[in-house]
mmCIF file of all heavy atoms, coordinates in Angstrom:
data_MODEL
# 
_entry.id   MODEL 
# 
loop_
_atom_site.group_PDB 
_atom_site.id 
_atom_site.type_symbol 
_atom_site.label_atom_id 
_atom_site.label_alt_id 
_atom_site.label_comp_id 
_atom_site.label_asym_id 
_atom_site.label_entity_id 
_atom_site.label_seq_id 
_atom_site.pdbx_PDB_ins_code 
_atom_site.Cartn_x 
_atom_site.Cartn_y 
_atom_site.Cartn_z 
_atom_site.occupancy 
_atom_site.B_iso_or_equiv 
_atom_site.pdbx_formal_charge 
_atom_site.auth_seq_id 
_atom_site.auth_comp_id 
_atom_site.auth_asym_id 
_atom_site.auth_atom_id 
_atom_site.pdbx_PDB_model_num 
ATOM 1   N N   . GLU A 1 1  ? 96.688  115.456 83.487  1.00 0.00 ? 1  GLU A N   1 
ATOM 2   C CA  . GLU A 1 1  ? 96.059  115.253 82.181  1.00 0.00 ? 1  GLU A CA  1 
ATOM 3   C C   . GLU A 1 1  ? 96.601  116.191 81.109  1.00 0.00 ? 1  GLU A C   1 
ATOM 4   O O   . GLU A 1 1  ? 96.335  115.999 79.921  1.00 0.00 ? 1  GLU A O   1 
ATOM 5   C CB  . GLU A 1 1  ? 94.533  115.410 82.295  1.00 0.00 ? 1  GLU A CB  1 
ATOM 6   C CG  . GLU A 1 1  ? 94.003  116.824 82.209  1.00 0.00 ? 1  GLU A CG  1 
ATOM 7   C CD  . GLU A 1 1  ? 94.214  117.652 83.469  1.00 0.00 ? 1  GLU A CD  1 
ATOM 8   O OE1 . GLU A 1 1  ? 94.762  117.104 84.466  1.00 0.00 ? 1  GLU A OE1 1 
ATOM 9   O OE2 . GLU A 1 1  ? 93.838  118.835 83.481  1.00 0.00 ? 1  GLU A OE2 1 
ATOM 10  N N   . ARG A 1 2  ? 97.385  117.184 81.501  1.00 0.00 ? 2  ARG A N   1 
ATOM 11  C CA  . ARG A 1 2  ? 97.908  118.139 80.529  1.00 0.00 ? 2  ARG A CA  1 
ATOM 12  C C   . ARG A 1 2  ? 99.163  117.620 79.819  1.00 0.00 ? 2  ARG A C   1 
ATOM 13  O O   . ARG A 1 2  ? 99.720  118.303 78.968  1.00 0.00 ? 2  ARG A O   1 
ATOM 14  C CB  . ARG A 1 2  ? 98.194  119.479 81.206  1.00 0.00 ? 2  ARG A CB  1 
ATOM 15  C CG  . ARG A 1 2  ? 96.958  120.059 81.890  1.00 0.00 ? 2  ARG A CG  1 
ATOM 16  C CD  . ARG A 1 2  ? 97.128  121.520 82.173  1.00 0.00 ? 2  ARG A CD  1 
ATOM 17  N NE  . ARG A 1 2  ? 96.019  122.017 82.957  1.00 0.00 ? 2  ARG A NE  1 
ATOM 18  C CZ  . ARG A 1 2  ? 94.835  122.347 82.463  1.00 0.00 ? 2  ARG A CZ  1 
ATOM 19  N NH1 . ARG A 1 2  ? 94.613  122.208 81.178  1.00 0.00 ? 2  ARG A NH1 1 
ATOM 20  N NH2 . ARG A 1 2  ? 93.873  122.784 83.250  1.00 0.00 ? 2  ARG A NH2 1 
ATOM 21  N N   . HIS A 1 3  ? 99.612  116.434 80.207  1.00 0.00 ? 3  HIS A N   1 
ATOM 22  C CA  . HIS A 1 3  ? 100.816 115.867 79.612  1.00 0.00 ? 3  HIS A CA  1 
ATOM 23  C C   . HIS A 1 3  ? 100.507 114.512 78.978  1.00 0.00 ? 3  HIS A C   1 
ATOM 24  O O   . HIS A 1 3  ? 99.459  113.921 79.220  1.00 0.00 ? 3  HIS A O   1 
ATOM 25  C CB  . HIS A 1 3  ? 101.897 115.702 80.696  1.00 0.00 ? 3  HIS A CB  1 
ATOM 26  C CG  . HIS A 1 3  ? 102.239 116.977 81.398  1.00 0.00 ? 3  HIS A CG  1 
ATOM 27  N ND1 . HIS A 1 3  ? 103.120 117.903 80.882  1.00 0.00 ? 3  HIS A ND1 1 
ATOM 28  C CD2 . HIS A 1 3  ? 101.800 117.499 82.566  1.00 0.00 ? 3  HIS A CD2 1 
ATOM 29  C CE1 . HIS A 1 3  ? 103.210 118.930 81.702  1.00 0.00 ? 3  HIS A CE1 1 
ATOM 30  N NE2 . HIS A 1 3  ? 102.420 118.717 82.738  1.00 0.00 ? 3  HIS A NE2 1 
ATOM 31  N N   . LYS A 1 4  ? 101.441 114.027 78.192  1.00 0.00 ? 4  LYS A N   1 
ATOM 32  C CA  . LYS A 1 4  ? 101.291 112.702 77.624  1.00 0.00 ? 4  LYS A CA  1 
ATOM 33  C C   . LYS A 1 4  ? 101.228 111.674 78.741  1.00 0.00 ? 4  LYS A C   1 
ATOM 34  O O   . LYS A 1 4  ? 101.876 111.839 79.779  1.00 0.00 ? 4  LYS A O   1 
ATOM 35  C CB  . LYS A 1 4  ? 102.454 112.391 76.686  1.00 0.00 ? 4  LYS A CB  1 
ATOM 36  C CG  . LYS A 1 4  ? 102.504 113.270 75.442  1.00 0.00 ? 4  LYS A CG  1 
ATOM 37  C CD  . LYS A 1 4  ? 103.692 112.913 74.580  1.00 0.00 ? 4  LYS A CD  1 
ATOM 38  C CE  . LYS A 1 4  ? 103.748 113.793 73.324  1.00 0.00 ? 4  LYS A CE  1 
ATOM 39  N NZ  . LYS A 1 4  ? 104.935 113.480 72.492  1.00 0.00 ? 4  LYS A NZ  1 
ATOM 40  N N   . VAL A 1 5  ? 100.462 110.619 78.527  1.00 0.00 ? 5  VAL A N   1 
ATOM 41  C CA  . VAL A 1 5  ? 100.267 109.608 79.568  1.00 0.00 ? 5  VAL A CA  1 
ATOM 42  C C   . VAL A 1 5  ? 101.592 109.078 80.099  1.00 0.00 ? 5  VAL A C   1 
ATOM 43  O O   . VAL A 1 5  ? 101.822 109.021 81.314  1.00 0.00 ? 5  VAL A O   1 
ATOM 44  C CB  . VAL A 1 5  ? 99.397  108.447 79.041  1.00 0.00 ? 5  VAL A CB  1 
ATOM 45  C CG1 . VAL A 1 5  ? 99.381  107.290 80.034  1.00 0.00 ? 5  VAL A CG1 1 
ATOM 46  C CG2 . VAL A 1 5  ? 97.982  108.918 78.763  1.00 0.00 ? 5  VAL A CG2 1 
ATOM 47  N N   . GLU A 1 6  ? 102.485 108.699 79.193  1.00 0.00 ? 6  GLU A N   1 
ATOM 48  C CA  . GLU A 1 6  ? 103.751 108.107 79.628  1.00 0.00 ? 6  GLU A CA  1 
ATOM 49  C C   . GLU A 1 6  ? 104.593 109.089 80.436  1.00 0.00 ? 6  GLU A C   1 
ATOM 50  O O   . GLU A 1 6  ? 105.292 108.697 81.380  1.00 0.00 ? 6  GLU A O   1 
ATOM 51  C CB  . GLU A 1 6  ? 104.548 107.588 78.433  1.00 0.00 ? 6  GLU A CB  1 
ATOM 52  C CG  . GLU A 1 6  ? 104.849 108.609 77.349  1.00 0.00 ? 6  GLU A CG  1 
ATOM 53  C CD  . GLU A 1 6  ? 103.788 108.702 76.272  1.00 0.00 ? 6  GLU A CD  1 
ATOM 54  O OE1 . GLU A 1 6  ? 102.630 108.293 76.532  1.00 0.00 ? 6  GLU A OE1 1 
ATOM 55  O OE2 . GLU A 1 6  ? 104.109 109.184 75.163  1.00 0.00 ? 6  GLU A OE2 1 
ATOM 56  N N   . GLU A 1 7  ? 104.503 110.383 80.113  1.00 0.00 ? 7  GLU A N   1 
ATOM 57  C CA  . GLU A 1 7  ? 105.256 111.394 80.861  1.00 0.00 ? 7  GLU A CA  1 
ATOM 58  C C   . GLU A 1 7  ? 104.730 111.533 82.291  1.00 0.00 ? 7  GLU A C   1 
ATOM 59  O O   . GLU A 1 7  ? 105.507 111.607 83.249  1.00 0.00 ? 7  GLU A O   1 
ATOM 60  C CB  . GLU A 1 7  ? 105.185 112.741 80.147  1.00 0.00 ? 7  GLU A CB  1 
ATOM 61  C CG  . GLU A 1 7  ? 105.930 112.784 78.823  1.00 0.00 ? 7  GLU A CG  1 
ATOM 62  C CD  . GLU A 1 7  ? 105.757 114.104 78.097  1.00 0.00 ? 7  GLU A CD  1 
ATOM 63  O OE1 . GLU A 1 7  ? 105.013 114.977 78.608  1.00 0.00 ? 7  GLU A OE1 1 
ATOM 64  O OE2 . GLU A 1 7  ? 106.364 114.281 77.031  1.00 0.00 ? 7  GLU A OE2 1 
ATOM 65  N N   . SER A 1 8  ? 103.412 111.557 82.427  1.00 0.00 ? 8  SER A N   1 
ATOM 66  C CA  . SER A 1 8  ? 102.816 111.695 83.752  1.00 0.00 ? 8  SER A CA  1 
ATOM 67  C C   . SER A 1 8  ? 103.021 110.440 84.590  1.00 0.00 ? 8  SER A C   1 
ATOM 68  O O   . SER A 1 8  ? 103.227 110.520 85.807  1.00 0.00 ? 8  SER A O   1 
ATOM 69  C CB  . SER A 1 8  ? 101.324 112.007 83.624  1.00 0.00 ? 8  SER A CB  1 
ATOM 70  O OG  . SER A 1 8  ? 101.129 113.329 83.159  1.00 0.00 ? 8  SER A OG  1 
ATOM 71  N N   . VAL A 1 9  ? 102.960 109.290 83.957  1.00 0.00 ? 9  VAL A N   1 
ATOM 72  C CA  . VAL A 1 9  ? 103.225 108.028 84.680  1.00 0.00 ? 9  VAL A CA  1 
ATOM 73  C C   . VAL A 1 9  ? 104.644 108.041 85.246  1.00 0.00 ? 9  VAL A C   1 
ATOM 74  O O   . VAL A 1 9  ? 104.866 107.710 86.420  1.00 0.00 ? 9  VAL A O   1 
ATOM 75  C CB  . VAL A 1 9  ? 103.025 106.813 83.752  1.00 0.00 ? 9  VAL A CB  1 
ATOM 76  C CG1 . VAL A 1 9  ? 103.592 105.549 84.387  1.00 0.00 ? 9  VAL A CG1 1 
ATOM 77  C CG2 . VAL A 1 9  ? 101.550 106.618 83.443  1.00 0.00 ? 9  VAL A CG2 1 
ATOM 78  N N   . GLU A 1 10 ? 105.601 108.454 84.431  1.00 0.00 ? 10 GLU A N   1 
ATOM 79  C CA  . GLU A 1 10 ? 106.991 108.505 84.886  1.00 0.00 ? 10 GLU A CA  1 
ATOM 80  C C   . GLU A 1 10 ? 107.191 109.554 85.973  1.00 0.00 ? 10 GLU A C   1 
ATOM 81  O O   . GLU A 1 10 ? 108.034 109.390 86.863  1.00 0.00 ? 10 GLU A O   1 
ATOM 82  C CB  . GLU A 1 10 ? 107.923 108.782 83.699  1.00 0.00 ? 10 GLU A CB  1 
ATOM 83  C CG  . GLU A 1 10 ? 108.071 107.610 82.756  1.00 0.00 ? 10 GLU A CG  1 
ATOM 84  C CD  . GLU A 1 10 ? 108.520 106.336 83.469  1.00 0.00 ? 10 GLU A CD  1 
ATOM 85  O OE1 . GLU A 1 10 ? 109.493 106.408 84.265  1.00 0.00 ? 10 GLU A OE1 1 
ATOM 86  O OE2 . GLU A 1 10 ? 107.892 105.284 83.249  1.00 0.00 ? 10 GLU A OE2 1 
ATOM 87  N N   . LEU A 1 11 ? 106.419 110.643 85.904  1.00 0.00 ? 11 LEU A N   1 
ATOM 88  C CA  . LEU A 1 11 ? 106.518 111.692 86.921  1.00 0.00 ? 11 LEU A CA  1 
ATOM 89  C C   . LEU A 1 11 ? 106.111 111.143 88.290  1.00 0.00 ? 11 LEU A C   1 
ATOM 90  O O   . LEU A 1 11 ? 106.779 111.393 89.300  1.00 0.00 ? 11 LEU A O   1 
ATOM 91  C CB  . LEU A 1 11 ? 105.614 112.871 86.536  1.00 0.00 ? 11 LEU A CB  1 
ATOM 92  C CG  . LEU A 1 11 ? 105.807 114.168 87.310  1.00 0.00 ? 11 LEU A CG  1 
ATOM 93  C CD1 . LEU A 1 11 ? 107.178 114.772 87.036  1.00 0.00 ? 11 LEU A CD1 1 
ATOM 94  C CD2 . LEU A 1 11 ? 104.715 115.170 86.950  1.00 0.00 ? 11 LEU A CD2 1 
ATOM 95  N N   . ILE A 1 12 ? 105.024 110.386 88.333  1.00 0.00 ? 12 ILE A N   1 
ATOM 96  C CA  . ILE A 1 12 ? 104.573 109.792 89.599  1.00 0.00 ? 12 ILE A CA  1 
ATOM 97  C C   . ILE A 1 12 ? 105.583 108.764 90.096  1.00 0.00 ? 12 ILE A C   1 
ATOM 98  O O   . ILE A 1 12 ? 105.899 108.702 91.299  1.00 0.00 ? 12 ILE A O   1 
ATOM 99  C CB  . ILE A 1 12 ? 103.184 109.161 89.436  1.00 0.00 ? 12 ILE A CB  1 
ATOM 100 C CG1 . ILE A 1 12 ? 102.143 110.234 89.110  1.00 0.00 ? 12 ILE A CG1 1 
ATOM 101 C CG2 . ILE A 1 12 ? 102.784 108.410 90.704  1.00 0.00 ? 12 ILE A CG2 1 
ATOM 102 C CD1 . ILE A 1 12 ? 100.766 109.682 88.761  1.00 0.00 ? 12 ILE A CD1 1 
ATOM 103 N N   . LYS A 1 13 ? 106.096 107.962 89.188  1.00 0.00 ? 13 LYS A N   1 
ATOM 104 C CA  . LYS A 1 13 ? 107.097 106.962 89.584  1.00 0.00 ? 13 LYS A CA  1 
ATOM 105 C C   . LYS A 1 13 ? 108.352 107.631 90.128  1.00 0.00 ? 13 LYS A C   1 
ATOM 106 O O   . LYS A 1 13 ? 108.958 107.154 91.092  1.00 0.00 ? 13 LYS A O   1 
ATOM 107 C CB  . LYS A 1 13 ? 107.439 106.071 88.394  1.00 0.00 ? 13 LYS A CB  1 
ATOM 108 C CG  . LYS A 1 13 ? 106.331 105.094 88.002  1.00 0.00 ? 13 LYS A CG  1 
ATOM 109 C CD  . LYS A 1 13 ? 106.777 104.180 86.872  1.00 0.00 ? 13 LYS A CD  1 
ATOM 110 C CE  . LYS A 1 13 ? 105.716 103.140 86.552  1.00 0.00 ? 13 LYS A CE  1 
ATOM 111 N NZ  . LYS A 1 13 ? 106.132 102.220 85.461  1.00 0.00 ? 13 LYS A NZ  1 
ATOM 112 N N   . TYR A 1 14 ? 108.736 108.748 89.527  1.00 0.00 ? 14 TYR A N   1 
ATOM 113 C CA  . TYR A 1 14 ? 109.892 109.486 90.022  1.00 0.00 ? 14 TYR A CA  1 
ATOM 114 C C   . TYR A 1 14 ? 109.632 109.981 91.441  1.00 0.00 ? 14 TYR A C   1 
ATOM 115 O O   . TYR A 1 14 ? 110.497 109.870 92.318  1.00 0.00 ? 14 TYR A O   1 
ATOM 116 C CB  . TYR A 1 14 ? 110.195 110.662 89.096  1.00 0.00 ? 14 TYR A CB  1 
ATOM 117 C CG  . TYR A 1 14 ? 111.376 111.501 89.543  1.00 0.00 ? 14 TYR A CG  1 
ATOM 118 C CD1 . TYR A 1 14 ? 112.681 111.100 89.270  1.00 0.00 ? 14 TYR A CD1 1 
ATOM 119 C CD2 . TYR A 1 14 ? 111.184 112.703 90.234  1.00 0.00 ? 14 TYR A CD2 1 
ATOM 120 C CE1 . TYR A 1 14 ? 113.773 111.861 89.676  1.00 0.00 ? 14 TYR A CE1 1 
ATOM 121 C CE2 . TYR A 1 14 ? 112.266 113.466 90.648  1.00 0.00 ? 14 TYR A CE2 1 
ATOM 122 C CZ  . TYR A 1 14 ? 113.562 113.042 90.369  1.00 0.00 ? 14 TYR A CZ  1 
ATOM 123 O OH  . TYR A 1 14 ? 114.634 113.795 90.786  1.00 0.00 ? 14 TYR A OH  1 
ATOM 124 N N   . ALA A 1 15 ? 108.435 110.525 91.663  1.00 0.00 ? 15 ALA A N   1 
ATOM 125 C CA  . ALA A 1 15 ? 108.081 111.001 93.008  1.00 0.00 ? 15 ALA A CA  1 
ATOM 126 C C   . ALA A 1 15 ? 108.176 109.865 94.018  1.00 0.00 ? 15 ALA A C   1 
ATOM 127 O O   . ALA A 1 15 ? 108.707 110.036 95.126  1.00 0.00 ? 15 ALA A O   1 
ATOM 128 C CB  . ALA A 1 15 ? 106.674 111.593 92.988  1.00 0.00 ? 15 ALA A CB  1 
ATOM 129 N N   . GLY A 1 16 ? 107.659 108.697 93.641  1.00 0.00 ? 16 GLY A N   1 
ATOM 130 C CA  . GLY A 1 16 ? 107.727 107.547 94.540  1.00 0.00 ? 16 GLY A CA  1 
ATOM 131 C C   . GLY A 1 16 ? 109.150 107.142 94.851  1.00 0.00 ? 16 GLY A C   1 
ATOM 132 O O   . GLY A 1 16 ? 109.469 106.762 95.993  1.00 0.00 ? 16 GLY A O   1 
ATOM 133 N N   . SER A 1 17 ? 110.029 107.238 93.862  1.00 0.00 ? 17 SER A N   1 
ATOM 134 C CA  . SER A 1 17 ? 111.429 106.862 94.078  1.00 0.00 ? 17 SER A CA  1 
ATOM 135 C C   . SER A 1 17 ? 112.130 107.809 95.045  1.00 0.00 ? 17 SER A C   1 
ATOM 136 O O   . SER A 1 17 ? 113.167 107.458 95.626  1.00 0.00 ? 17 SER A O   1 
ATOM 137 C CB  . SER A 1 17 ? 112.180 106.842 92.738  1.00 0.00 ? 17 SER A CB  1 
ATOM 138 O OG  . SER A 1 17 ? 112.420 108.161 92.253  1.00 0.00 ? 17 SER A OG  1 
ATOM 139 N N   . LYS A 1 18 ? 111.569 109.009 95.222  1.00 0.00 ? 18 LYS A N   1 
ATOM 140 C CA  . LYS A 1 18 ? 112.139 110.001 96.133  1.00 0.00 ? 18 LYS A CA  1 
ATOM 141 C C   . LYS A 1 18 ? 111.520 109.937 97.531  1.00 0.00 ? 18 LYS A C   1 
ATOM 142 O O   . LYS A 1 18 ? 111.816 110.775 98.383  1.00 0.00 ? 18 LYS A O   1 
ATOM 143 C CB  . LYS A 1 18 ? 111.959 111.409 95.554  1.00 0.00 ? 18 LYS A CB  1 
ATOM 144 C CG  . LYS A 1 18 ? 112.719 111.637 94.250  1.00 0.00 ? 18 LYS A CG  1 
ATOM 145 C CD  . LYS A 1 18 ? 114.213 111.523 94.460  1.00 0.00 ? 18 LYS A CD  1 
ATOM 146 C CE  . LYS A 1 18 ? 114.983 111.813 93.186  1.00 0.00 ? 18 LYS A CE  1 
ATOM 147 N NZ  . LYS A 1 18 ? 116.454 111.734 93.375  1.00 0.00 ? 18 LYS A NZ  1 
ATOM 148 N N   . GLY A 1 19 ? 110.637 108.972 97.748  1.00 0.00 ? 19 GLY A N   1 
ATOM 149 C CA  . GLY A 1 19 ? 110.052 108.798 99.074  1.00 0.00 ? 19 GLY A CA  1 
ATOM 150 C C   . GLY A 1 19 ? 108.666 109.379 99.242  1.00 0.00 ? 19 GLY A C   1 
ATOM 151 O O   . GLY A 1 19 ? 108.068 109.266 100.316 1.00 0.00 ? 19 GLY A O   1 
ATOM 152 N N   . ILE A 1 20 ? 108.123 110.017 98.212  1.00 0.00 ? 20 ILE A N   1 
ATOM 153 C CA  . ILE A 1 20 ? 106.760 110.542 98.286  1.00 0.00 ? 20 ILE A CA  1 
ATOM 154 C C   . ILE A 1 20 ? 105.790 109.366 98.287  1.00 0.00 ? 20 ILE A C   1 
ATOM 155 O O   . ILE A 1 20 ? 105.875 108.480 97.437  1.00 0.00 ? 20 ILE A O   1 
ATOM 156 C CB  . ILE A 1 20 ? 106.478 111.487 97.102  1.00 0.00 ? 20 ILE A CB  1 
ATOM 157 C CG1 . ILE A 1 20 ? 107.321 112.758 97.238  1.00 0.00 ? 20 ILE A CG1 1 
ATOM 158 C CG2 . ILE A 1 20 ? 104.984 111.833 97.016  1.00 0.00 ? 20 ILE A CG2 1 
ATOM 159 C CD1 . ILE A 1 20 ? 107.207 113.721 96.068  1.00 0.00 ? 20 ILE A CD1 1 
ATOM 160 N N   . ASN A 1 21 ? 104.856 109.359 99.258  1.00 0.00 ? 21 ASN A N   1 
ATOM 161 C CA  . ASN A 1 21 ? 103.968 108.194 99.381  1.00 0.00 ? 21 ASN A CA  1 
ATOM 162 C C   . ASN A 1 21 ? 102.485 108.540 99.496  1.00 0.00 ? 21 ASN A C   1 
ATOM 163 O O   . ASN A 1 21 ? 101.658 107.674 99.769  1.00 0.00 ? 21 ASN A O   1 
ATOM 164 C CB  . ASN A 1 21 ? 104.381 107.327 100.577 1.00 0.00 ? 21 ASN A CB  1 
ATOM 165 C CG  . ASN A 1 21 ? 104.067 107.962 101.929 1.00 0.00 ? 21 ASN A CG  1 
ATOM 166 O OD1 . ASN A 1 21 ? 103.677 109.135 102.009 1.00 0.00 ? 21 ASN A OD1 1 
ATOM 167 N ND2 . ASN A 1 21 ? 104.245 107.208 102.998 1.00 0.00 ? 21 ASN A ND2 1 
ATOM 168 N N   . ILE A 1 22 ? 102.133 109.815 99.286  1.00 0.00 ? 22 ILE A N   1 
ATOM 169 C CA  . ILE A 1 22 ? 100.722 110.203 99.342  1.00 0.00 ? 22 ILE A CA  1 
ATOM 170 C C   . ILE A 1 22 ? 100.387 110.999 98.090  1.00 0.00 ? 22 ILE A C   1 
ATOM 171 O O   . ILE A 1 22 ? 101.136 111.902 97.688  1.00 0.00 ? 22 ILE A O   1 
ATOM 172 C CB  . ILE A 1 22 ? 100.388 111.002 100.620 1.00 0.00 ? 22 ILE A CB  1 
ATOM 173 C CG1 . ILE A 1 22 ? 98.894  111.393 100.622 1.00 0.00 ? 22 ILE A CG1 1 
ATOM 174 C CG2 . ILE A 1 22 ? 101.296 112.212 100.813 1.00 0.00 ? 22 ILE A CG2 1 
ATOM 175 C CD1 . ILE A 1 22 ? 98.419  111.969 101.951 1.00 0.00 ? 22 ILE A CD1 1 
ATOM 176 N N   . ILE A 1 23 ? 99.267  110.653 97.461  1.00 0.00 ? 23 ILE A N   1 
ATOM 177 C CA  . ILE A 1 23 ? 98.843  111.302 96.226  1.00 0.00 ? 23 ILE A CA  1 
ATOM 178 C C   . ILE A 1 23 ? 97.359  111.614 96.304  1.00 0.00 ? 23 ILE A C   1 
ATOM 179 O O   . ILE A 1 23 ? 96.574  110.807 96.826  1.00 0.00 ? 23 ILE A O   1 
ATOM 180 C CB  . ILE A 1 23 ? 99.160  110.426 94.993  1.00 0.00 ? 23 ILE A CB  1 
ATOM 181 C CG1 . ILE A 1 23 ? 98.882  111.186 93.684  1.00 0.00 ? 23 ILE A CG1 1 
ATOM 182 C CG2 . ILE A 1 23 ? 98.422  109.097 95.038  1.00 0.00 ? 23 ILE A CG2 1 
ATOM 183 C CD1 . ILE A 1 23 ? 99.466  110.500 92.452  1.00 0.00 ? 23 ILE A CD1 1 
ATOM 184 N N   . ASP A 1 24 ? 96.985  112.781 95.834  1.00 0.00 ? 24 ASP A N   1 
ATOM 185 C CA  . ASP A 1 24 ? 95.574  113.184 95.843  1.00 0.00 ? 24 ASP A CA  1 
ATOM 186 C C   . ASP A 1 24 ? 94.979  113.018 94.454  1.00 0.00 ? 24 ASP A C   1 
ATOM 187 O O   . ASP A 1 24 ? 95.577  113.426 93.459  1.00 0.00 ? 24 ASP A O   1 
ATOM 188 C CB  . ASP A 1 24 ? 95.430  114.643 96.281  1.00 0.00 ? 24 ASP A CB  1 
ATOM 189 C CG  . ASP A 1 24 ? 93.977  115.093 96.291  1.00 0.00 ? 24 ASP A CG  1 
ATOM 190 O OD1 . ASP A 1 24 ? 93.235  114.619 97.166  1.00 0.00 ? 24 ASP A OD1 1 
ATOM 191 O OD2 . ASP A 1 24 ? 93.590  115.885 95.406  1.00 0.00 ? 24 ASP A OD2 1 
# 
C-alpha cells in the first residue's frame, strides 16, 4: 500500500514471472 497501485501490481506480476507462487 506504500506504492502506487500500478507499481505494486507489476511487482507481484514480476514475482510470479520468476516462479514465486505463494503470497501472504
